[in-house]
C-alpha atoms as a PDB file:
ATOM      1  CA  MET A   1    -156.008 -96.214  17.034  1.00  0.00           C
ATOM      2  CA  SER A   2    -155.402 -92.551  15.824  1.00  0.00           C
ATOM      3  CA  LYS A   3    -152.567 -91.851  13.385  1.00  0.00           C
ATOM      4  CA  PRO A   4    -150.797 -88.288  14.392  1.00  0.00           C
ATOM      5  CA  LEU A   5    -150.938 -86.137  11.883  1.00  0.00           C
ATOM      6  CA  VAL A   6    -148.995 -82.845  10.942  1.00  0.00           C
ATOM      7  CA  ILE A   7    -150.973 -80.259   8.514  1.00  0.00           C
ATOM      8  CA  VAL A   8    -148.494 -77.979   6.461  1.00  0.00           C
ATOM      9  CA  GLY A   9    -150.196 -74.811   5.919  1.00  0.00           C
ATOM     10  CA  ALA A  10    -151.794 -72.213   8.220  1.00  0.00           C
ATOM     11  CA  GLY A  11    -154.382 -70.801   6.118  1.00  0.00           C
ATOM     12  CA  GLU A  12    -158.083 -71.030   5.270  1.00  0.00           C
ATOM     13  CA  PHE A  13    -158.071 -74.687   4.012  1.00  0.00           C
ATOM     14  CA  ALA A  14    -155.634 -75.708   6.618  1.00  0.00           C
ATOM     15  CA  MET A  15    -158.125 -74.773   9.200  1.00  0.00           C
ATOM     16  CA  ILE A  16    -161.140 -76.596   7.031  1.00  0.00           C
ATOM     17  CA  ALA A  17    -158.974 -79.729   6.695  1.00  0.00           C
ATOM     18  CA  ASN A  18    -158.483 -79.849  10.370  1.00  0.00           C
ATOM     19  CA  GLU A  19    -162.243 -79.766  10.972  1.00  0.00           C
ATOM     20  CA  TYR A  20    -162.811 -82.852   8.565  1.00  0.00           C
ATOM     21  CA  PHE A  21    -159.736 -84.781   9.949  1.00  0.00           C
ATOM     22  CA  THR A  22    -160.250 -84.370  13.536  1.00  0.00           C
ATOM     23  CA  HIS A  23    -164.341 -85.091  13.163  1.00  0.00           C
ATOM     24  CA  ASP A  24    -164.443 -87.363  10.257  1.00  0.00           C
ATOM     25  CA  SER A  25    -161.230 -89.530  10.295  1.00  0.00           C
ATOM     26  CA  ASP A  26    -158.638 -91.660  12.204  1.00  0.00           C
ATOM     27  CA  PHE A  27    -156.035 -88.705  12.124  1.00  0.00           C
ATOM     28  CA  ASP A  28    -155.198 -87.046  15.204  1.00  0.00           C
ATOM     29  CA  VAL A  29    -153.918 -83.495  14.232  1.00  0.00           C
ATOM     30  CA  GLN A  30    -150.966 -82.563  16.285  1.00  0.00           C
ATOM     31  CA  ALA A  31    -149.774 -79.106  14.869  1.00  0.00           C
ATOM     32  CA  PHE A  32    -149.534 -76.882  11.767  1.00  0.00           C
ATOM     33  CA  CYS A  33    -146.350 -75.770  10.028  1.00  0.00           C
ATOM     34  CA  VAL A  34    -145.448 -73.222   7.722  1.00  0.00           C
ATOM     35  CA  GLU A  35    -142.431 -71.651   6.215  1.00  0.00           C
ATOM     36  CA  SER A  36    -140.968 -69.442   9.205  1.00  0.00           C
ATOM     37  CA  ALA A  37    -141.201 -66.337   6.726  1.00  0.00           C
ATOM     38  CA  TYR A  38    -144.587 -66.791   7.180  1.00  0.00           C
ATOM     39  CA  LEU A  39    -145.291 -67.535  10.560  1.00  0.00           C
ATOM     40  CA  LYS A  40    -147.288 -65.190  12.440  1.00  0.00           C
ATOM     41  CA  GLU A  41    -149.293 -66.767  15.311  1.00  0.00           C
ATOM     42  CA  PRO A  42    -147.814 -69.562  17.641  1.00  0.00           C
ATOM     43  CA  THR A  43    -150.889 -71.318  17.678  1.00  0.00           C
ATOM     44  CA  LEU A  44    -153.876 -72.373  15.662  1.00  0.00           C
ATOM     45  CA  GLU A  45    -157.300 -73.914  16.256  1.00  0.00           C
ATOM     46  CA  GLY A  46    -155.564 -74.748  19.606  1.00  0.00           C
ATOM     47  CA  ARG A  47    -152.440 -76.497  18.087  1.00  0.00           C
ATOM     48  CA  PRO A  48    -148.930 -74.953  17.793  1.00  0.00           C
ATOM     49  CA  VAL A  49    -147.669 -73.903  14.512  1.00  0.00           C
ATOM     50  CA  ILE A  50    -144.128 -74.470  13.807  1.00  0.00           C
ATOM     51  CA  PRO A  51    -141.415 -73.519  11.328  1.00  0.00           C
ATOM     52  CA  TYR A  52    -141.731 -75.727   8.611  1.00  0.00           C
ATOM     53  CA  GLU A  53    -138.002 -75.832   8.476  1.00  0.00           C
ATOM     54  CA  GLU A  54    -137.983 -77.805  12.010  1.00  0.00           C
ATOM     55  CA  ILE A  55    -140.698 -80.428  10.904  1.00  0.00           C
ATOM     56  CA  GLU A  56    -138.217 -83.072  10.703  1.00  0.00           C
ATOM     57  CA  THR A  57    -136.750 -82.909  13.910  1.00  0.00           C
ATOM     58  CA  ARG A  58    -139.705 -82.395  15.988  1.00  0.00           C
ATOM     59  CA  PHE A  59    -142.271 -84.379  13.842  1.00  0.00           C
ATOM     60  CA  PRO A  60    -140.030 -87.197  12.489  1.00  0.00           C
ATOM     61  CA  PRO A  61    -141.308 -88.895   9.380  1.00  0.00           C
ATOM     62  CA  GLY A  62    -141.769 -92.644  10.218  1.00  0.00           C
ATOM     63  CA  GLN A  63    -143.705 -91.066  13.582  1.00  0.00           C
ATOM     64  CA  PHE A  64    -146.130 -88.588  11.733  1.00  0.00           C
ATOM     65  CA  HIS A  65    -148.121 -88.524   8.984  1.00  0.00           C
ATOM     66  CA  VAL A  66    -148.676 -85.100   7.196  1.00  0.00           C
ATOM     67  CA  PHE A  67    -151.054 -83.306   4.719  1.00  0.00           C
ATOM     68  CA  VAL A  68    -150.483 -80.426   2.784  1.00  0.00           C
ATOM     69  CA  ALA A  69    -153.131 -78.225   3.033  1.00  0.00           C
ATOM     70  CA  ILE A  70    -152.481 -75.980   0.545  1.00  0.00           C
ATOM     71  CA  PRO A  71    -155.207 -74.923  -2.384  1.00  0.00           C
ATOM     72  CA  ALA A  72    -155.036 -74.132  -5.928  1.00  0.00           C
ATOM     73  CA  SER A  73    -151.949 -71.368  -5.092  1.00  0.00           C
ATOM     74  CA  GLN A  74    -149.669 -70.486  -7.934  1.00  0.00           C
ATOM     75  CA  LEU A  75    -151.572 -73.354 -10.409  1.00  0.00           C
ATOM     76  CA  ASN A  76    -150.762 -75.799  -7.818  1.00  0.00           C
ATOM     77  CA  ARG A  77    -147.235 -75.484  -7.719  1.00  0.00           C
ATOM     78  CA  LEU A  78    -146.859 -74.566  -4.152  1.00  0.00           C
ATOM     79  CA  ARG A  79    -149.220 -77.574  -3.158  1.00  0.00           C
ATOM     80  CA  ARG A  80    -146.763 -79.874  -5.351  1.00  0.00           C
ATOM     81  CA  ARG A  81    -143.630 -78.064  -4.214  1.00  0.00           C
ATOM     82  CA  PHE A  82    -144.571 -78.784  -0.409  1.00  0.00           C
ATOM     83  CA  TYR A  83    -145.522 -82.604  -1.534  1.00  0.00           C
ATOM     84  CA  GLU A  84    -142.754 -83.498  -3.211  1.00  0.00           C
ATOM     85  CA  ASP A  85    -140.374 -81.830  -0.418  1.00  0.00           C
ATOM     86  CA  LEU A  86    -141.921 -83.912   2.316  1.00  0.00           C
ATOM     87  CA  LYS A  87    -141.786 -87.186   0.077  1.00  0.00           C
ATOM     88  CA  ALA A  88    -138.091 -87.058  -0.591  1.00  0.00           C
ATOM     89  CA  LYS A  89    -137.933 -86.798   3.241  1.00  0.00           C
ATOM     90  CA  GLY A  90    -139.499 -89.969   3.846  1.00  0.00           C
ATOM     91  CA  TYR A  91    -143.390 -88.852   4.833  1.00  0.00           C
ATOM     92  CA  GLN A  92    -146.271 -90.919   4.725  1.00  0.00           C
ATOM     93  CA  PHE A  93    -149.292 -88.785   3.585  1.00  0.00           C
ATOM     94  CA  ALA A  94    -153.016 -88.479   4.610  1.00  0.00           C
ATOM     95  CA  THR A  95    -155.772 -88.885   2.306  1.00  0.00           C
ATOM     96  CA  TYR A  96    -159.145 -87.706   3.594  1.00  0.00           C
ATOM     97  CA  ILE A  97    -162.557 -88.913   2.120  1.00  0.00           C
ATOM     98  CA  SER A  98    -165.373 -87.603   3.793  1.00  0.00           C
ATOM     99  CA  SER A  99    -167.357 -90.277   4.920  1.00  0.00           C
ATOM    100  CA  ARG A 100    -170.439 -88.565   2.885  1.00  0.00           C
ATOM    101  CA  ALA A 101    -168.900 -89.100  -0.289  1.00  0.00           C
ATOM    102  CA  PHE A 102    -169.689 -91.919  -2.580  1.00  0.00           C
ATOM    103  CA  VAL A 103    -166.647 -93.523  -3.775  1.00  0.00           C
ATOM    104  CA  TRP A 104    -166.952 -96.591  -5.553  1.00  0.00           C
ATOM    105  CA  ARG A 105    -164.883-100.131  -4.373  1.00  0.00           C
ATOM    106  CA  ASN A 106    -162.516-100.449  -7.515  1.00  0.00           C
ATOM    107  CA  ALA A 107    -162.080 -96.587  -7.838  1.00  0.00           C
ATOM    108  CA  LYS A 108    -158.022 -95.593  -6.918  1.00  0.00           C
ATOM    109  CA  ILE A 109    -157.276 -92.592  -5.121  1.00  0.00           C
ATOM    110  CA  GLY A 110    -153.789 -91.029  -4.453  1.00  0.00           C
ATOM    111  CA  GLU A 111    -152.200 -89.911  -1.217  1.00  0.00           C
ATOM    112  CA  ASN A 112    -152.185 -86.488   0.105  1.00  0.00           C
ATOM    113  CA  THR A 113    -155.853 -86.165  -1.778  1.00  0.00           C
ATOM    114  CA  PHE A 114    -158.642 -84.208  -0.062  1.00  0.00           C
ATOM    115  CA  ILE A 115    -162.040 -85.686  -1.221  1.00  0.00           C
ATOM    116  CA  PHE A 116    -165.135 -83.286   0.106  1.00  0.00           C
ATOM    117  CA  GLU A 117    -168.514 -84.721   1.130  1.00  0.00           C
ATOM    118  CA  ASN A 118    -171.108 -85.672  -1.812  1.00  0.00           C
ATOM    119  CA  ASN A 119    -168.606 -86.028  -4.199  1.00  0.00           C
ATOM    120  CA  VAL A 120    -169.423 -89.147  -6.625  1.00  0.00           C
ATOM    121  CA  ILE A 121    -166.444 -91.424  -7.615  1.00  0.00           C
ATOM    122  CA  GLN A 122    -167.871 -93.715 -10.064  1.00  0.00           C
ATOM    123  CA  PRO A 123    -166.241 -97.474 -11.008  1.00  0.00           C
ATOM    124  CA  TYR A 124    -162.858 -97.447 -12.377  1.00  0.00           C
ATOM    125  CA  VAL A 125    -162.027 -93.683 -12.136  1.00  0.00           C
ATOM    126  CA  THR A 126    -157.890 -93.289 -11.177  1.00  0.00           C
ATOM    127  CA  VAL A 127    -157.575 -89.816  -8.702  1.00  0.00           C
ATOM    128  CA  GLY A 128    -153.946 -89.195  -8.365  1.00  0.00           C
ATOM    129  CA  ASP A 129    -151.503 -88.061  -5.699  1.00  0.00           C
ATOM    130  CA  ASN A 130    -151.861 -84.285  -4.109  1.00  0.00           C
ATOM    131  CA  CYS A 131    -155.396 -83.320  -5.801  1.00  0.00           C
ATOM    132  CA  ILE A 132    -158.027 -81.562  -4.167  1.00  0.00           C
ATOM    133  CA  LEU A 133    -162.140 -82.407  -5.265  1.00  0.00           C
ATOM    134  CA  TRP A 134    -164.254 -79.357  -2.902  1.00  0.00           C
ATOM    135  CA  SER A 135    -167.883 -80.755  -2.166  1.00  0.00           C
ATOM    136  CA  GLY A 136    -170.285 -81.897  -4.805  1.00  0.00           C
ATOM    137  CA  ASN A 137    -168.915 -83.212  -7.982  1.00  0.00           C
ATOM    138  CA  HIS A 138    -169.418 -85.908 -10.645  1.00  0.00           C
ATOM    139  CA  VAL A 139    -166.572 -88.092 -11.644  1.00  0.00           C
ATOM    140  CA  GLY A 140    -167.783 -90.519 -14.087  1.00  0.00           C
ATOM    141  CA  HIS A 141    -166.536 -93.992 -14.606  1.00  0.00           C
ATOM    142  CA  ARG A 142    -162.979 -94.742 -16.409  1.00  0.00           C
ATOM    143  CA  THR A 143    -162.559 -91.012 -16.143  1.00  0.00           C
ATOM    144  CA  VAL A 144    -158.616 -90.469 -15.083  1.00  0.00           C
ATOM    145  CA  ILE A 145    -157.684 -87.412 -12.648  1.00  0.00           C
ATOM    146  CA  HIS A 146    -153.684 -86.847 -12.541  1.00  0.00           C
ATOM    147  CA  ASN A 147    -151.732 -85.305  -9.936  1.00  0.00           C
ATOM    148  CA  HIS A 148    -151.885 -82.126  -8.375  1.00  0.00           C
ATOM    149  CA  VAL A 149    -155.423 -81.217  -9.806  1.00  0.00           C
ATOM    150  CA  PHE A 150    -157.632 -78.872  -8.131  1.00  0.00           C
ATOM    151  CA  ILE A 151    -161.314 -79.260  -8.777  1.00  0.00           C
ATOM    152  CA  ALA A 152    -163.693 -76.743  -7.312  1.00  0.00           C
ATOM    153  CA  SER A 153    -167.392 -77.617  -6.477  1.00  0.00           C
ATOM    154  CA  HIS A 154    -170.100 -79.098  -8.731  1.00  0.00           C
ATOM    155  CA  ALA A 155    -167.783 -79.937 -11.680  1.00  0.00           C
ATOM    156  CA  VAL A 156    -169.542 -82.763 -14.025  1.00  0.00           C
ATOM    157  CA  ILE A 157    -166.721 -84.655 -15.226  1.00  0.00           C
ATOM    158  CA  SER A 158    -168.305 -87.673 -17.807  1.00  0.00           C
ATOM    159  CA  GLY A 159    -166.927 -90.996 -18.619  1.00  0.00           C
ATOM    160  CA  TYR A 160    -163.374 -91.632 -19.778  1.00  0.00           C
ATOM    161  CA  CYS A 161    -162.116 -87.981 -19.517  1.00  0.00           C
ATOM    162  CA  ASP A 162    -158.439 -87.588 -18.777  1.00  0.00           C
ATOM    163  CA  ILE A 163    -157.560 -84.807 -16.776  1.00  0.00           C
ATOM    164  CA  GLY A 164    -153.880 -83.505 -16.591  1.00  0.00           C
ATOM    165  CA  GLU A 165    -151.344 -83.172 -14.147  1.00  0.00           C
ATOM    166  CA  SER A 166    -151.613 -79.542 -12.309  1.00  0.00           C
ATOM    167  CA  CYS A 167    -155.111 -78.473 -13.711  1.00  0.00           C
ATOM    168  CA  PHE A 168    -157.662 -76.154 -12.067  1.00  0.00           C
ATOM    169  CA  ILE A 169    -160.987 -76.966 -12.606  1.00  0.00           C
ATOM    170  CA  GLY A 170    -163.682 -74.237 -12.155  1.00  0.00           C
ATOM    171  CA  VAL A 171    -167.182 -74.497  -9.930  1.00  0.00           C
ATOM    172  CA  ASN A 172    -170.215 -75.777 -12.607  1.00  0.00           C
ATOM    173  CA  THR A 173    -168.097 -77.133 -15.144  1.00  0.00           C
ATOM    174  CA  THR A 174    -168.977 -79.582 -17.663  1.00  0.00           C
ATOM    175  CA  PHE A 175    -166.690 -82.073 -19.652  1.00  0.00           C
ATOM    176  CA  ASN A 176    -168.628 -84.215 -22.306  1.00  0.00           C
ATOM    177  CA  ASP A 177    -167.233 -87.966 -22.493  1.00  0.00           C
ATOM    178  CA  TYR A 178    -163.709 -88.760 -23.711  1.00  0.00           C
ATOM    179  CA  VAL A 179    -162.426 -85.119 -23.156  1.00  0.00           C
ATOM    180  CA  LYS A 180    -158.670 -84.898 -22.422  1.00  0.00           C
ATOM    181  CA  VAL A 181    -157.452 -81.608 -21.241  1.00  0.00           C
ATOM    182  CA  GLY A 182    -153.794 -80.979 -21.185  1.00  0.00           C
ATOM    183  CA  GLU A 183    -151.535 -80.461 -18.031  1.00  0.00           C
ATOM    184  CA  SER A 184    -151.612 -77.067 -16.598  1.00  0.00           C
ATOM    185  CA  ALA A 185    -155.289 -75.884 -18.299  1.00  0.00           C
ATOM    186  CA  VAL A 186    -157.582 -73.426 -16.427  1.00  0.00           C
ATOM    187  CA  ILE A 187    -160.833 -74.017 -16.937  1.00  0.00           C
ATOM    188  CA  GLY A 188    -162.944 -71.016 -16.147  1.00  0.00           C
ATOM    189  CA  SER A 189    -166.353 -71.252 -13.854  1.00  0.00           C
ATOM    190  CA  GLY A 190    -169.672 -72.384 -15.654  1.00  0.00           C
ATOM    191  CA  ALA A 191    -167.276 -73.494 -18.927  1.00  0.00           C
ATOM    192  CA  LEU A 192    -168.814 -76.704 -21.295  1.00  0.00           C
ATOM    193  CA  ILE A 193    -165.732 -78.561 -22.334  1.00  0.00           C
ATOM    194  CA  ALA A 194    -167.293 -80.162 -25.390  1.00  0.00           C
ATOM    195  CA  ARG A 195    -163.498 -81.507 -27.248  1.00  0.00           C
ATOM    196  CA  ASP A 196    -160.192 -81.822 -25.993  1.00  0.00           C
ATOM    197  CA  ALA A 197    -158.643 -78.580 -24.436  1.00  0.00           C
ATOM    198  CA  GLU A 198    -154.551 -77.524 -24.834  1.00  0.00           C
ATOM    199  CA  ALA A 199    -152.505 -77.577 -22.217  1.00  0.00           C
ATOM    200  CA  GLY A 200    -151.215 -74.227 -20.366  1.00  0.00           C
ATOM    201  CA  LYS A 201    -154.112 -72.811 -22.053  1.00  0.00           C
ATOM    202  CA  VAL A 202    -157.314 -70.866 -19.919  1.00  0.00           C
ATOM    203  CA  TYR A 203    -160.596 -71.859 -21.526  1.00  0.00           C
ATOM    204  CA  VAL A 204    -163.924 -70.038 -20.685  1.00  0.00           C
ATOM    205  CA  GLY A 205    -167.441 -70.071 -22.365  1.00  0.00           C
ATOM    206  CA  THR A 206    -170.226 -72.385 -23.276  1.00  0.00           C
ATOM    207  CA  PRO A 207    -169.186 -74.347 -25.304  1.00  0.00           C
ATOM    208  CA  ALA A 208    -165.689 -73.218 -23.891  1.00  0.00           C
ATOM    209  CA  ARG A 209    -163.048 -71.850 -25.939  1.00  0.00           C
ATOM    210  CA  ALA A 210    -159.144 -70.812 -24.891  1.00  0.00           C
ATOM    211  CA  VAL A 211    -158.612 -67.154 -24.296  1.00  0.00           C
ATOM    212  CA  PRO A 212    -156.421 -65.875 -26.891  1.00  0.00           C
ATOM    213  CA  ASN A 213    -152.806 -64.873 -26.046  1.00  0.00           C
ATOM    214  CA  LYS A 214    -153.179 -66.118 -22.369  1.00  0.00           C
ATOM    215  CA  SER A 215    -151.269 -69.007 -20.786  1.00  0.00           C
ATOM    216  CA  SER A 216    -152.587 -70.445 -17.648  1.00  0.00           C
ATOM    217  CA  LEU A 217    -149.552 -69.499 -15.594  1.00  0.00           C
ATOM    218  CA  ASP A 218    -150.658 -66.059 -15.755  1.00  0.00           C
ATOM    219  CA  VAL A 219    -153.729 -66.699 -14.287  1.00  0.00           C
ATOM    220  CA  ASP A 220    -153.807 -65.414 -10.359  1.00  0.00           C
ATOM    221  CA  LEU A 221    -155.616 -68.227  -8.307  1.00  0.00           C
END
């Protein structure tokens, strides 16, 4: 039996999420919603787009699931804001795991998390709430990915790593075993993280080094 779902967002990721939920899940997308100041069209993909301010009256918690389909905007802070607001309103969140992903039986996957095709999630991995793992990543055994993280495609995260809250992990990045990445770090595309990475820093290169005098909060994602 399908579960009614409202997608928060009306951009590219929202449309992609709609495709996956519609064709590869037991959720039934009923509508999209955005804050009224950003509402441009009344419909999207054949479904209504409603003001976010009306979500509780038109699609009440307890009757509808929600999914916040916002990518890494503002270093994940925008997605986190909506997630925490909807959680306070009492909504249940949808999580999507592609039927073409490999997720071992004892891995723990949080709510409002989206795992695309060809991800490999090994034993004893934890993926937190409100995370996005784009296609083709490897997450090694015992690794912990904390809440609100965005991982672009083809990252290789080895075993026993710890990825802090709100990090952005770029495409084709590589992490050695036991690496710890502090919260809100940005790991640039193709970087090799061979040692621990500090919170709030931007790392680039092979092996990766922090960019001097640059905060990850200044990065325009």
